[in-house]
Amino acid sequence: MHVKLALGFNPVLGIRDAVRLAAEAEAQGYDSVWMHESLFQRDVVTYLSAMATGTSKIRLGSGAINTYTRHPVTAATTFATLSELSSGRVALGLGLGSFPTVPLLGHQIFPVEKTKPLQRIREYVKIVKMVWKGEKVDFEGDFFKVHNLTLGFKPANDVPIFIASLSPLTQAFAATLADGVILSPALNSVWGTERMVENVTRGEARSGRRVERASYMLASLDPDPRQAVQAVREYYFFAYQLAEVVRPEVLVPYGIKEEDLTPMKEAWKKGDAAEARRLIPEEAIETLTITGTPEHAAERVGEYSRVGITLPILMPIGNVDYAIRELAPASGGI
């Protein structure tokens, strides 16, 4: 099985480690490296700049910047500059913004009837593309306003745009205007992923075009499958997502009912993270992540590819170097 593979990392990773892993990913034949944006961790643009100077071929993407804290003109000039630095290897991944953190800056996300996330992203993409084309931008939107502005240099390369969203409407919209979609922040079942791909397919049918379908996948590999599972169980992000973000319906087809998660969620609500992690059903780890031996991981990635994911973005934790090496396209891992 030949699958184009990418790697993705959270900005808890030290920047020198990120540069080292990007160079390793390039040497091992990975398609691209993607960095999450976080409002209270390291800066994604600095990561991309450093990785661009430490590599020569691999694609680099933000997965994803938010549409609240970076004005679209700023994003357009920043990523045009990054593309120049990297000789055309950078992709602009953007999304609405992190639910836990954006409201801490005074931005309201809900209710969507009032905040209109799709309209916000539509305006954002339109302005970015106008800037890159060198047009004089006069734009008066619900969220963004730009008057009599023209980019002062000609972008050397086209910059692909990826839209990250969990919303069916935005996923369909992304297929009409963007170059790609990012369908998961790291945790989803094959069944849930297939539903998201169906949303993209509806947008593709309307626009008559195909887009790249990327999806983050939390990955934990180890020669000992028990160690791989334990790494996921101890990872703060998994417990948080399972307790507060993952929709129960994506687990039901795999025999995991809401009552199976109740003890874990109750411990999480009480602030007992250690007990919550201990109570995570192993079936949930198997369903939502790529975990186990390299052989099993290859099978699991294949399941997502068969429902329409064209760019799996593996997010390795635990035995990170082992996972990168064992799954590497250059070594025939997948």
C-alpha atoms as a PDB file:
ATOM      1  CA  MET A   1       0.000   0.000   0.000  1.00  0.00           C
ATOM      2  CA  HIS A   2       1.365   3.409  -0.971  1.00  0.00           C
ATOM      3  CA  VAL A   3      -0.018   6.313   1.046  1.00  0.00           C
ATOM      4  CA  LYS A   4       1.263   9.871   1.095  1.00  0.00           C
ATOM      5  CA  LEU A   5       2.078  10.594   4.746  1.00  0.00           C
ATOM      6  CA  ALA A   6       2.663  13.720   6.806  1.00  0.00           C
ATOM      7  CA  LEU A   7       3.741  14.399  10.362  1.00  0.00           C
ATOM      8  CA  GLY A   8       2.070  16.846  12.738  1.00  0.00           C
ATOM      9  CA  PHE A   9       3.206  18.255  16.074  1.00  0.00           C
ATOM     10  CA  ASN A  10       1.843  20.329  18.930  1.00  0.00           C
ATOM     11  CA  PRO A  11       3.791  23.469  19.860  1.00  0.00           C
ATOM     12  CA  VAL A  12       4.868  21.911  23.146  1.00  0.00           C
ATOM     13  CA  LEU A  13       7.765  20.553  21.074  1.00  0.00           C
ATOM     14  CA  GLY A  14      10.973  22.548  21.475  1.00  0.00           C
ATOM     15  CA  ILE A  15      11.786  24.461  18.317  1.00  0.00           C
ATOM     16  CA  ARG A  16      15.209  22.855  17.844  1.00  0.00           C
ATOM     17  CA  ASP A  17      13.574  19.447  18.187  1.00  0.00           C
ATOM     18  CA  ALA A  18      11.034  20.511  15.566  1.00  0.00           C
ATOM     19  CA  VAL A  19      13.800  21.437  13.117  1.00  0.00           C
ATOM     20  CA  ARG A  20      15.553  18.114  13.762  1.00  0.00           C
ATOM     21  CA  LEU A  21      12.340  16.121  13.243  1.00  0.00           C
ATOM     22  CA  ALA A  22      11.464  18.064  10.081  1.00  0.00           C
ATOM     23  CA  ALA A  23      14.879  17.214   8.621  1.00  0.00           C
ATOM     24  CA  GLU A  24      14.392  13.583   9.636  1.00  0.00           C
ATOM     25  CA  ALA A  25      10.931  13.536   8.059  1.00  0.00           C
ATOM     26  CA  GLU A  26      12.382  14.926   4.838  1.00  0.00           C
ATOM     27  CA  ALA A  27      15.123  12.277   4.796  1.00  0.00           C
ATOM     28  CA  GLN A  28      12.527   9.546   5.459  1.00  0.00           C
ATOM     29  CA  GLY A  29      10.284  10.545   2.551  1.00  0.00           C
ATOM     30  CA  TYR A  30       7.341  12.167   4.352  1.00  0.00           C
ATOM     31  CA  ASP A  31       5.248  14.558   2.285  1.00  0.00           C
ATOM     32  CA  SER A  32       4.959  17.372   4.804  1.00  0.00           C
ATOM     33  CA  VAL A  33       5.216  18.541   8.413  1.00  0.00           C
ATOM     34  CA  TRP A  34       2.380  20.462  10.081  1.00  0.00           C
ATOM     35  CA  MET A  35       2.407  22.538  13.262  1.00  0.00           C
ATOM     36  CA  HIS A  36      -0.602  23.402  15.406  1.00  0.00           C
ATOM     37  CA  GLU A  37      -1.075  26.972  16.526  1.00  0.00           C
ATOM     38  CA  SER A  38      -1.553  27.600  20.227  1.00  0.00           C
ATOM     39  CA  LEU A  39      -2.164  30.919  21.906  1.00  0.00           C
ATOM     40  CA  PHE A  40      -0.108  29.999  24.966  1.00  0.00           C
ATOM     41  CA  GLN A  41       2.676  27.873  23.479  1.00  0.00           C
ATOM     42  CA  ARG A  42       5.422  28.518  20.940  1.00  0.00           C
ATOM     43  CA  ASP A  43       4.628  30.525  17.795  1.00  0.00           C
ATOM     44  CA  VAL A  44       3.721  28.537  14.683  1.00  0.00           C
ATOM     45  CA  VAL A  45       5.260  31.034  12.240  1.00  0.00           C
ATOM     46  CA  THR A  46       8.608  30.825  14.013  1.00  0.00           C
ATOM     47  CA  TYR A  47       8.437  27.025  13.768  1.00  0.00           C
ATOM     48  CA  LEU A  48       7.736  27.180  10.035  1.00  0.00           C
ATOM     49  CA  SER A  49      10.541  29.675   9.456  1.00  0.00           C
ATOM     50  CA  ALA A  50      13.063  27.554  11.329  1.00  0.00           C
ATOM     51  CA  MET A  51      11.980  24.334   9.646  1.00  0.00           C
ATOM     52  CA  ALA A  52      12.100  26.003   6.229  1.00  0.00           C
ATOM     53  CA  THR A  53      15.738  26.946   6.721  1.00  0.00           C
ATOM     54  CA  GLY A  54      16.561  23.458   8.040  1.00  0.00           C
ATOM     55  CA  THR A  55      15.048  21.558   5.083  1.00  0.00           C
ATOM     56  CA  SER A  56      14.998  21.825   1.313  1.00  0.00           C
ATOM     57  CA  LYS A  57      12.187  19.679  -0.110  1.00  0.00           C
ATOM     58  CA  ILE A  58       9.470  18.815   2.388  1.00  0.00           C
ATOM     59  CA  ARG A  59       6.220  20.788   2.531  1.00  0.00           C
ATOM     60  CA  LEU A  60       5.443  22.748   5.698  1.00  0.00           C
ATOM     61  CA  GLY A  61       2.027  23.808   6.922  1.00  0.00           C
ATOM     62  CA  SER A  62       0.193  25.537   9.734  1.00  0.00           C
ATOM     63  CA  GLY A  63      -2.486  23.279  11.060  1.00  0.00           C
ATOM     64  CA  ALA A  64      -4.027  25.722  11.764  1.00  0.00           C
ATOM     65  CA  ILE A  65      -3.769  29.437  12.534  1.00  0.00           C
ATOM     66  CA  ASN A  66      -6.960  30.970  13.909  1.00  0.00           C
ATOM     67  CA  THR A  67      -9.038  33.657  12.264  1.00  0.00           C
ATOM     68  CA  TYR A  68      -9.321  35.856  15.370  1.00  0.00           C
ATOM     69  CA  THR A  69      -5.786  36.833  16.330  1.00  0.00           C
ATOM     70  CA  ARG A  70      -4.193  37.211  12.870  1.00  0.00           C
ATOM     71  CA  HIS A  71      -5.876  39.642  10.490  1.00  0.00           C
ATOM     72  CA  PRO A  72      -6.193  38.159   6.977  1.00  0.00           C
ATOM     73  CA  VAL A  73      -3.869  40.820   5.541  1.00  0.00           C
ATOM     74  CA  THR A  74      -1.251  39.888   8.133  1.00  0.00           C
ATOM     75  CA  ALA A  75      -1.699  36.198   7.346  1.00  0.00           C
ATOM     76  CA  ALA A  76      -1.402  36.893   3.622  1.00  0.00           C
ATOM     77  CA  THR A  77       1.861  38.831   3.934  1.00  0.00           C
ATOM     78  CA  THR A  78       3.296  36.398   6.495  1.00  0.00           C
ATOM     79  CA  PHE A  79       2.681  33.299   4.411  1.00  0.00           C
ATOM     80  CA  ALA A  80       3.773  34.954   1.182  1.00  0.00           C
ATOM     81  CA  THR A  81       7.054  35.685   2.957  1.00  0.00           C
ATOM     82  CA  LEU A  82       7.305  32.138   4.320  1.00  0.00           C
ATOM     83  CA  SER A  83       6.682  30.800   0.831  1.00  0.00           C
ATOM     84  CA  GLU A  84       9.510  32.964  -0.487  1.00  0.00           C
ATOM     85  CA  LEU A  85      11.801  31.695   2.265  1.00  0.00           C
ATOM     86  CA  SER A  86      10.919  28.056   1.581  1.00  0.00           C
ATOM     87  CA  SER A  87      10.843  28.280  -2.244  1.00  0.00           C
ATOM     88  CA  GLY A  88       7.133  27.540  -2.382  1.00  0.00           C
ATOM     89  CA  ARG A  89       6.875  24.762   0.206  1.00  0.00           C
ATOM     90  CA  VAL A  90       4.513  26.403   2.714  1.00  0.00           C
ATOM     91  CA  ALA A  91       0.748  25.851   3.070  1.00  0.00           C
ATOM     92  CA  LEU A  92      -1.589  28.146   4.990  1.00  0.00           C
ATOM     93  CA  GLY A  93      -3.857  26.081   7.197  1.00  0.00           C
ATOM     94  CA  LEU A  94      -6.487  28.156   8.953  1.00  0.00           C
ATOM     95  CA  GLY A  95      -9.512  27.557  11.131  1.00  0.00           C
ATOM     96  CA  LEU A  96     -11.984  29.291  13.376  1.00  0.00           C
ATOM     97  CA  GLY A  97      -9.816  29.005  16.479  1.00  0.00           C
ATOM     98  CA  SER A  98      -9.306  26.958  19.603  1.00  0.00           C
ATOM     99  CA  PHE A  99     -12.485  26.678  21.654  1.00  0.00           C
ATOM    100  CA  PRO A 100     -10.776  26.639  25.079  1.00  0.00           C
ATOM    101  CA  THR A 101      -8.375  29.512  24.418  1.00  0.00           C
ATOM    102  CA  VAL A 102      -9.862  32.046  21.976  1.00  0.00           C
ATOM    103  CA  PRO A 103     -12.656  33.007  24.419  1.00  0.00           C
ATOM    104  CA  LEU A 104      -9.942  33.825  26.986  1.00  0.00           C
ATOM    105  CA  LEU A 105      -9.050  36.781  24.747  1.00  0.00           C
ATOM    106  CA  GLY A 106     -12.628  38.052  24.771  1.00  0.00           C
ATOM    107  CA  HIS A 107     -13.767  36.486  21.487  1.00  0.00           C
ATOM    108  CA  GLN A 108     -17.150  34.797  21.442  1.00  0.00           C
ATOM    109  CA  ILE A 109     -17.455  31.535  19.494  1.00  0.00           C
ATOM    110  CA  PHE A 110     -20.957  30.410  20.444  1.00  0.00           C
ATOM    111  CA  PRO A 111     -23.803  30.613  19.559  1.00  0.00           C
ATOM    112  CA  VAL A 112     -22.915  30.110  15.909  1.00  0.00           C
ATOM    113  CA  GLU A 113     -26.139  31.831  14.810  1.00  0.00           C
ATOM    114  CA  LYS A 114     -24.617  35.016  16.188  1.00  0.00           C
ATOM    115  CA  THR A 115     -20.907  34.494  15.536  1.00  0.00           C
ATOM    116  CA  LYS A 116     -21.350  33.104  11.967  1.00  0.00           C
ATOM    117  CA  PRO A 117     -18.123  31.049  11.759  1.00  0.00           C
ATOM    118  CA  LEU A 118     -18.621  30.126   8.106  1.00  0.00           C
ATOM    119  CA  GLN A 119     -19.003  33.791   7.110  1.00  0.00           C
ATOM    120  CA  ARG A 120     -15.862  34.671   9.088  1.00  0.00           C
ATOM    121  CA  ILE A 121     -13.805  32.037   7.274  1.00  0.00           C
ATOM    122  CA  ARG A 122     -15.318  32.948   3.887  1.00  0.00           C
ATOM    123  CA  GLU A 123     -14.291  36.594   4.331  1.00  0.00           C
ATOM    124  CA  TYR A 124     -10.851  35.590   5.584  1.00  0.00           C
ATOM    125  CA  VAL A 125     -10.058  33.410   2.568  1.00  0.00           C
ATOM    126  CA  LYS A 126     -11.407  35.978   0.119  1.00  0.00           C
ATOM    127  CA  ILE A 127      -9.198  38.766   1.503  1.00  0.00           C
ATOM    128  CA  VAL A 128      -6.085  36.561   1.607  1.00  0.00           C
ATOM    129  CA  LYS A 129      -6.544  35.580  -2.039  1.00  0.00           C
ATOM    130  CA  MET A 130      -7.161  39.179  -3.111  1.00  0.00           C
ATOM    131  CA  VAL A 131      -3.960  40.291  -1.391  1.00  0.00           C
ATOM    132  CA  TRP A 132      -1.918  37.526  -3.014  1.00  0.00           C
ATOM    133  CA  LYS A 133      -3.250  38.421  -6.465  1.00  0.00           C
ATOM    134  CA  GLY A 134      -1.878  41.934  -6.080  1.00  0.00           C
ATOM    135  CA  GLU A 135      -5.325  43.503  -6.339  1.00  0.00           C
ATOM    136  CA  LYS A 136      -6.215  46.755  -4.637  1.00  0.00           C
ATOM    137  CA  VAL A 137      -8.263  45.463  -1.764  1.00  0.00           C
ATOM    138  CA  ASP A 138     -11.416  47.334  -0.791  1.00  0.00           C
ATOM    139  CA  PHE A 139     -13.470  45.027   1.373  1.00  0.00           C
ATOM    140  CA  GLU A 140     -16.288  45.723   3.811  1.00  0.00           C
ATOM    141  CA  GLY A 141     -17.431  42.533   5.516  1.00  0.00           C
ATOM    142  CA  ASP A 142     -19.238  41.525   8.663  1.00  0.00           C
ATOM    143  CA  PHE A 143     -15.924  40.732  10.366  1.00  0.00           C
ATOM    144  CA  PHE A 144     -13.080  42.266   8.364  1.00  0.00           C
ATOM    145  CA  LYS A 145     -12.556  45.623   6.700  1.00  0.00           C
ATOM    146  CA  VAL A 146      -9.728  46.522   4.324  1.00  0.00           C
ATOM    147  CA  HIS A 147      -9.567  49.804   2.398  1.00  0.00           C
ATOM    148  CA  ASN A 148      -7.315  50.802  -0.488  1.00  0.00           C
ATOM    149  CA  LEU A 149      -4.551  48.295   0.269  1.00  0.00           C
ATOM    150  CA  THR A 150      -2.246  46.707  -2.280  1.00  0.00           C
ATOM    151  CA  LEU A 151       0.563  44.242  -1.551  1.00  0.00           C
ATOM    152  CA  GLY A 152       3.936  45.900  -2.062  1.00  0.00           C
ATOM    153  CA  PHE A 153       5.673  42.868  -3.549  1.00  0.00           C
ATOM    154  CA  LYS A 154       4.754  40.050  -5.921  1.00  0.00           C
ATOM    155  CA  PRO A 155       4.498  36.649  -4.206  1.00  0.00           C
ATOM    156  CA  ALA A 156       7.019  34.283  -5.724  1.00  0.00           C
ATOM    157  CA  ASN A 157       4.810  31.199  -5.406  1.00  0.00           C
ATOM    158  CA  ASP A 158       1.209  30.149  -4.981  1.00  0.00           C
ATOM    159  CA  VAL A 159       0.367  29.277  -1.385  1.00  0.00           C
ATOM    160  CA  PRO A 160      -2.154  26.439  -0.916  1.00  0.00           C
ATOM    161  CA  ILE A 161      -4.936  27.109   1.590  1.00  0.00           C
ATOM    162  CA  PHE A 162      -6.250  24.364   3.877  1.00  0.00           C
ATOM    163  CA  ILE A 163      -9.360  24.969   5.989  1.00  0.00           C
ATOM    164  CA  ALA A 164      -9.633  23.116   9.290  1.00  0.00           C
ATOM    165  CA  SER A 165     -13.129  22.592  10.632  1.00  0.00           C
ATOM    166  CA  LEU A 166     -15.430  20.163  12.414  1.00  0.00           C
ATOM    167  CA  SER A 167     -18.520  21.850  10.941  1.00  0.00           C
ATOM    168  CA  PRO A 168     -20.333  20.061   8.077  1.00  0.00           C
ATOM    169  CA  LEU A 169     -21.168  23.378   6.402  1.00  0.00           C
ATOM    170  CA  THR A 170     -17.589  24.644   6.567  1.00  0.00           C
ATOM    171  CA  GLN A 171     -16.179  21.312   5.404  1.00  0.00           C
ATOM    172  CA  ALA A 172     -18.401  21.468   2.328  1.00  0.00           C
ATOM    173  CA  PHE A 173     -17.528  25.132   1.758  1.00  0.00           C
ATOM    174  CA  ALA A 174     -13.795  24.388   1.983  1.00  0.00           C
ATOM    175  CA  ALA A 175     -14.069  22.115  -1.024  1.00  0.00           C
ATOM    176  CA  THR A 176     -15.418  24.984  -3.114  1.00  0.00           C
ATOM    177  CA  LEU A 177     -12.689  27.532  -2.384  1.00  0.00           C
ATOM    178  CA  ALA A 178      -9.667  26.030  -0.616  1.00  0.00           C
ATOM    179  CA  ASP A 179      -6.994  23.621  -1.840  1.00  0.00           C
ATOM    180  CA  GLY A 180      -7.473  21.223   1.034  1.00  0.00           C
ATOM    181  CA  VAL A 181      -9.359  20.468   4.223  1.00  0.00           C
ATOM    182  CA  ILE A 182      -8.126  19.370   7.648  1.00  0.00           C
ATOM    183  CA  LEU A 183     -10.837  17.123   9.045  1.00  0.00           C
ATOM    184  CA  SER A 184      -9.629  16.236  12.521  1.00  0.00           C
ATOM    185  CA  PRO A 185      -7.562  17.838  15.280  1.00  0.00           C
ATOM    186  CA  ALA A 186      -6.177  14.345  16.047  1.00  0.00           C
ATOM    187  CA  LEU A 187      -8.967  12.075  17.320  1.00  0.00           C
ATOM    188  CA  ASN A 188     -11.735  10.551  15.235  1.00  0.00           C
ATOM    189  CA  SER A 189     -12.983   7.098  14.385  1.00  0.00           C
ATOM    190  CA  VAL A 190     -13.010   5.784  10.833  1.00  0.00           C
ATOM    191  CA  TRP A 191     -16.813   6.081  10.880  1.00  0.00           C
ATOM    192  CA  GLY A 192     -16.670   9.706  12.032  1.00  0.00           C
ATOM    193  CA  THR A 193     -13.994  10.521   9.466  1.00  0.00           C
ATOM    194  CA  GLU A 194     -16.072   9.032   6.670  1.00  0.00           C
ATOM    195  CA  ARG A 195     -18.988  11.314   7.631  1.00  0.00           C
ATOM    196  CA  MET A 196     -16.649  14.314   7.333  1.00  0.00           C
ATOM    197  CA  VAL A 197     -15.380  13.149   3.952  1.00  0.00           C
ATOM    198  CA  GLU A 198     -18.996  12.982   2.789  1.00  0.00           C
ATOM    199  CA  ASN A 199     -19.371  16.674   3.660  1.00  0.00           C
ATOM    200  CA  VAL A 200     -16.306  17.500   1.572  1.00  0.00           C
ATOM    201  CA  THR A 201     -17.609  15.389  -1.296  1.00  0.00           C
ATOM    202  CA  ARG A 202     -20.816  17.448  -1.380  1.00  0.00           C
ATOM    203  CA  GLY A 203     -18.760  20.604  -1.757  1.00  0.00           C
ATOM    204  CA  GLU A 204     -16.641  18.994  -4.465  1.00  0.00           C
ATOM    205  CA  ALA A 205     -19.777  18.055  -6.377  1.00  0.00           C
ATOM    206  CA  ARG A 206     -20.964  21.670  -6.295  1.00  0.00           C
ATOM    207  CA  SER A 207     -17.643  23.115  -7.423  1.00  0.00           C
ATOM    208  CA  GLY A 208     -16.554  20.383  -9.834  1.00  0.00           C
ATOM    209  CA  ARG A 209     -13.109  20.172  -8.244  1.00  0.00           C
ATOM    210  CA  ARG A 210     -11.195  17.853  -5.900  1.00  0.00           C
ATOM    211  CA  VAL A 211      -9.303  18.938  -2.825  1.00  0.00           C
ATOM    212  CA  GLU A 212      -6.737  17.301  -0.588  1.00  0.00           C
ATOM    213  CA  ARG A 213      -8.315  15.681   2.469  1.00  0.00           C
ATOM    214  CA  ALA A 214      -5.953  15.808   5.402  1.00  0.00           C
ATOM    215  CA  SER A 215      -6.633  14.476   8.883  1.00  0.00           C
ATOM    216  CA  TYR A 216      -4.550  14.522  12.033  1.00  0.00           C
ATOM    217  CA  MET A 217      -4.187  11.085  13.649  1.00  0.00           C
ATOM    218  CA  LEU A 218      -2.672  10.626  17.090  1.00  0.00           C
ATOM    219  CA  ALA A 219      -0.100   7.833  16.722  1.00  0.00           C
ATOM    220  CA  SER A 220       1.701   5.820  19.373  1.00  0.00           C
ATOM    221  CA  LEU A 221       3.977   3.011  18.194  1.00  0.00           C
ATOM    222  CA  ASP A 222       6.189   0.691  20.167  1.00  0.00           C
ATOM    223  CA  PRO A 223       7.569  -2.846  19.756  1.00  0.00           C
ATOM    224  CA  ASP A 224       5.508  -3.588  22.875  1.00  0.00           C
ATOM    225  CA  PRO A 225       1.827  -2.738  22.134  1.00  0.00           C
ATOM    226  CA  ARG A 226       1.158  -2.284  25.848  1.00  0.00           C
ATOM    227  CA  GLN A 227       3.697   0.524  26.022  1.00  0.00           C
ATOM    228  CA  ALA A 228       2.110   2.159  23.001  1.00  0.00           C
ATOM    229  CA  VAL A 229      -1.321   2.082  24.664  1.00  0.00           C
ATOM    230  CA  GLN A 230       0.074   3.399  27.935  1.00  0.00           C
ATOM    231  CA  ALA A 231       1.628   6.395  26.167  1.00  0.00           C
ATOM    232  CA  VAL A 232      -1.812   7.395  24.869  1.00  0.00           C
ATOM    233  CA  ARG A 233      -3.413   6.834  28.264  1.00  0.00           C
ATOM    234  CA  GLU A 234      -0.896   9.182  29.891  1.00  0.00           C
ATOM    235  CA  TYR A 235      -1.126  11.864  27.197  1.00  0.00           C
ATOM    236  CA  TYR A 236      -3.051  14.884  28.538  1.00  0.00           C
ATOM    237  CA  PHE A 237      -4.558  15.728  25.143  1.00  0.00           C
ATOM    238  CA  PHE A 238      -6.275  12.356  24.738  1.00  0.00           C
ATOM    239  CA  ALA A 239      -7.989  12.456  28.130  1.00  0.00           C
ATOM    240  CA  TYR A 240      -9.143  16.037  27.585  1.00  0.00           C
ATOM    241  CA  GLN A 241     -10.496  15.322  24.106  1.00  0.00           C
ATOM    242  CA  LEU A 242     -12.268  12.130  25.162  1.00  0.00           C
ATOM    243  CA  ALA A 243     -13.829  13.843  28.183  1.00  0.00           C
ATOM    244  CA  GLU A 244     -14.899  17.106  26.555  1.00  0.00           C
ATOM    245  CA  VAL A 245     -14.657  17.102  22.766  1.00  0.00           C
ATOM    246  CA  VAL A 246     -15.145  13.697  21.106  1.00  0.00           C
ATOM    247  CA  ARG A 247     -18.757  13.216  20.022  1.00  0.00           C
ATOM    248  CA  PRO A 248     -20.253   9.997  21.478  1.00  0.00           C
ATOM    249  CA  GLU A 249     -21.806   8.979  18.150  1.00  0.00           C
ATOM    250  CA  VAL A 250     -18.395   8.409  16.542  1.00  0.00           C
ATOM    251  CA  LEU A 251     -17.742   5.660  19.116  1.00  0.00           C
ATOM    252  CA  VAL A 252     -21.106   3.866  19.018  1.00  0.00           C
ATOM    253  CA  PRO A 253     -20.346   1.843  15.838  1.00  0.00           C
ATOM    254  CA  TYR A 254     -17.393   0.340  17.724  1.00  0.00           C
ATOM    255  CA  GLY A 255     -19.439  -0.824  20.701  1.00  0.00           C
ATOM    256  CA  ILE A 256     -18.429   2.035  23.001  1.00  0.00           C
ATOM    257  CA  LYS A 257     -21.495   3.486  24.736  1.00  0.00           C
ATOM    258  CA  GLU A 258     -21.800   6.732  26.660  1.00  0.00           C
ATOM    259  CA  GLU A 259     -22.118   4.825  29.935  1.00  0.00           C
ATOM    260  CA  ASP A 260     -18.743   3.201  29.243  1.00  0.00           C
ATOM    261  CA  LEU A 261     -17.174   6.659  29.415  1.00  0.00           C
ATOM    262  CA  THR A 262     -19.146   7.987  32.381  1.00  0.00           C
ATOM    263  CA  PRO A 263     -16.661   6.989  35.131  1.00  0.00           C
ATOM    264  CA  MET A 264     -13.806   8.535  33.202  1.00  0.00           C
ATOM    265  CA  LYS A 265     -15.725  11.761  32.516  1.00  0.00           C
ATOM    266  CA  GLU A 266     -16.839  12.075  36.132  1.00  0.00           C
ATOM    267  CA  ALA A 267     -13.247  11.783  37.343  1.00  0.00           C
ATOM    268  CA  TRP A 268     -12.201  14.403  34.784  1.00  0.00           C
ATOM    269  CA  LYS A 269     -14.900  16.832  35.928  1.00  0.00           C
ATOM    270  CA  LYS A 270     -13.717  16.422  39.519  1.00  0.00           C
ATOM    271  CA  GLY A 271     -10.216  17.429  38.443  1.00  0.00           C
ATOM    272  CA  ASP A 272      -8.740  13.965  39.054  1.00  0.00           C
ATOM    273  CA  ALA A 273      -6.804  13.671  35.776  1.00  0.00           C
ATOM    274  CA  ALA A 274      -4.800  10.645  36.924  1.00  0.00           C
ATOM    275  CA  GLU A 275      -7.949   8.670  37.736  1.00  0.00           C
ATOM    276  CA  ALA A 276      -9.576   9.793  34.492  1.00  0.00           C
ATOM    277  CA  ARG A 277      -6.617   8.510  32.512  1.00  0.00           C
ATOM    278  CA  ARG A 278      -6.727   5.199  34.376  1.00  0.00           C
ATOM    279  CA  LEU A 279     -10.425   4.782  33.530  1.00  0.00           C
ATOM    280  CA  ILE A 280     -10.049   5.372  29.775  1.00  0.00           C
ATOM    281  CA  PRO A 281     -11.446   2.278  27.998  1.00  0.00           C
ATOM    282  CA  GLU A 282      -8.746   0.667  25.877  1.00  0.00           C
ATOM    283  CA  GLU A 283     -11.352   0.244  23.117  1.00  0.00           C
ATOM    284  CA  ALA A 284     -11.566   4.036  22.853  1.00  0.00           C
ATOM    285  CA  ILE A 285      -7.803   4.260  22.359  1.00  0.00           C
ATOM    286  CA  GLU A 286      -7.953   1.679  19.588  1.00  0.00           C
ATOM    287  CA  THR A 287     -10.904   3.384  17.899  1.00  0.00           C
ATOM    288  CA  LEU A 288      -9.619   6.955  17.967  1.00  0.00           C
ATOM    289  CA  THR A 289      -5.858   6.584  17.458  1.00  0.00           C
ATOM    290  CA  ILE A 290      -3.171   4.768  15.503  1.00  0.00           C
ATOM    291  CA  THR A 291      -1.685   2.697  18.325  1.00  0.00           C
ATOM    292  CA  GLY A 292       0.330  -0.516  18.559  1.00  0.00           C
ATOM    293  CA  THR A 293       2.966  -2.206  16.448  1.00  0.00           C
ATOM    294  CA  PRO A 294       4.064  -0.786  13.074  1.00  0.00           C
ATOM    295  CA  GLU A 295       2.156  -3.542  11.284  1.00  0.00           C
ATOM    296  CA  HIS A 296      -1.065  -2.729  13.088  1.00  0.00           C
ATOM    297  CA  ALA A 297      -0.522   1.001  12.569  1.00  0.00           C
ATOM    298  CA  ALA A 298      -0.156   0.477   8.813  1.00  0.00           C
ATOM    299  CA  GLU A 299      -3.457  -1.416   8.768  1.00  0.00           C
ATOM    300  CA  ARG A 300      -5.198   1.338  10.706  1.00  0.00           C
ATOM    301  CA  VAL A 301      -3.912   4.130   8.456  1.00  0.00           C
ATOM    302  CA  GLY A 302      -5.183   2.106   5.513  1.00  0.00           C
ATOM    303  CA  GLU A 303      -8.686   2.120   6.995  1.00  0.00           C
ATOM    304  CA  TYR A 304      -8.747   5.918   7.006  1.00  0.00           C
ATOM    305  CA  SER A 305      -7.320   6.089   3.504  1.00  0.00           C
ATOM    306  CA  ARG A 306     -10.046   3.807   2.206  1.00  0.00           C
ATOM    307  CA  VAL A 307     -12.782   6.173   3.411  1.00  0.00           C
ATOM    308  CA  GLY A 308     -11.220   9.092   1.549  1.00  0.00           C
ATOM    309  CA  ILE A 309      -8.325  10.601   3.519  1.00  0.00           C
ATOM    310  CA  THR A 310      -5.579  11.493   1.031  1.00  0.00           C
ATOM    311  CA  LEU A 311      -3.100  12.988   3.513  1.00  0.00           C
ATOM    312  CA  PRO A 312      -2.904  11.296   6.923  1.00  0.00           C
ATOM    313  CA  ILE A 313      -1.066  13.647   9.297  1.00  0.00           C
ATOM    314  CA  LEU A 314       0.424  11.353  11.918  1.00  0.00           C
ATOM    315  CA  MET A 315       0.927  13.020  15.275  1.00  0.00           C
ATOM    316  CA  PRO A 316       3.450  10.780  17.068  1.00  0.00           C
ATOM    317  CA  ILE A 317       3.702  10.625  20.851  1.00  0.00           C
ATOM    318  CA  GLY A 318       5.576   8.327  23.216  1.00  0.00           C
ATOM    319  CA  ASN A 319       8.306   6.554  21.240  1.00  0.00           C
ATOM    320  CA  VAL A 320       8.393   9.361  18.660  1.00  0.00           C
ATOM    321  CA  ASP A 321      11.611   8.575  16.778  1.00  0.00           C
ATOM    322  CA  TYR A 322      10.630   4.910  16.539  1.00  0.00           C
ATOM    323  CA  ALA A 323       7.230   5.810  15.084  1.00  0.00           C
ATOM    324  CA  ILE A 324       8.708   8.186  12.513  1.00  0.00           C
ATOM    325  CA  ARG A 325      11.291   5.638  11.443  1.00  0.00           C
ATOM    326  CA  GLU A 326       8.972   2.615  11.307  1.00  0.00           C
ATOM    327  CA  LEU A 327       6.181   4.325   9.362  1.00  0.00           C
ATOM    328  CA  ALA A 328       8.491   6.208   7.007  1.00  0.00           C
ATOM    329  CA  PRO A 329       7.555   6.012   3.326  1.00  0.00           C
ATOM    330  CA  ALA A 330      11.233   5.675   2.438  1.00  0.00           C
ATOM    331  CA  SER A 331      11.475   2.466   4.465  1.00  0.00           C
ATOM    332  CA  GLY A 332       8.231   1.050   3.084  1.00  0.00           C
ATOM    333  CA  GLY A 333       6.517   1.384   6.450  1.00  0.00           C
ATOM    334  CA  ILE A 334       3.191   2.316   4.840  1.00  0.00           C
END
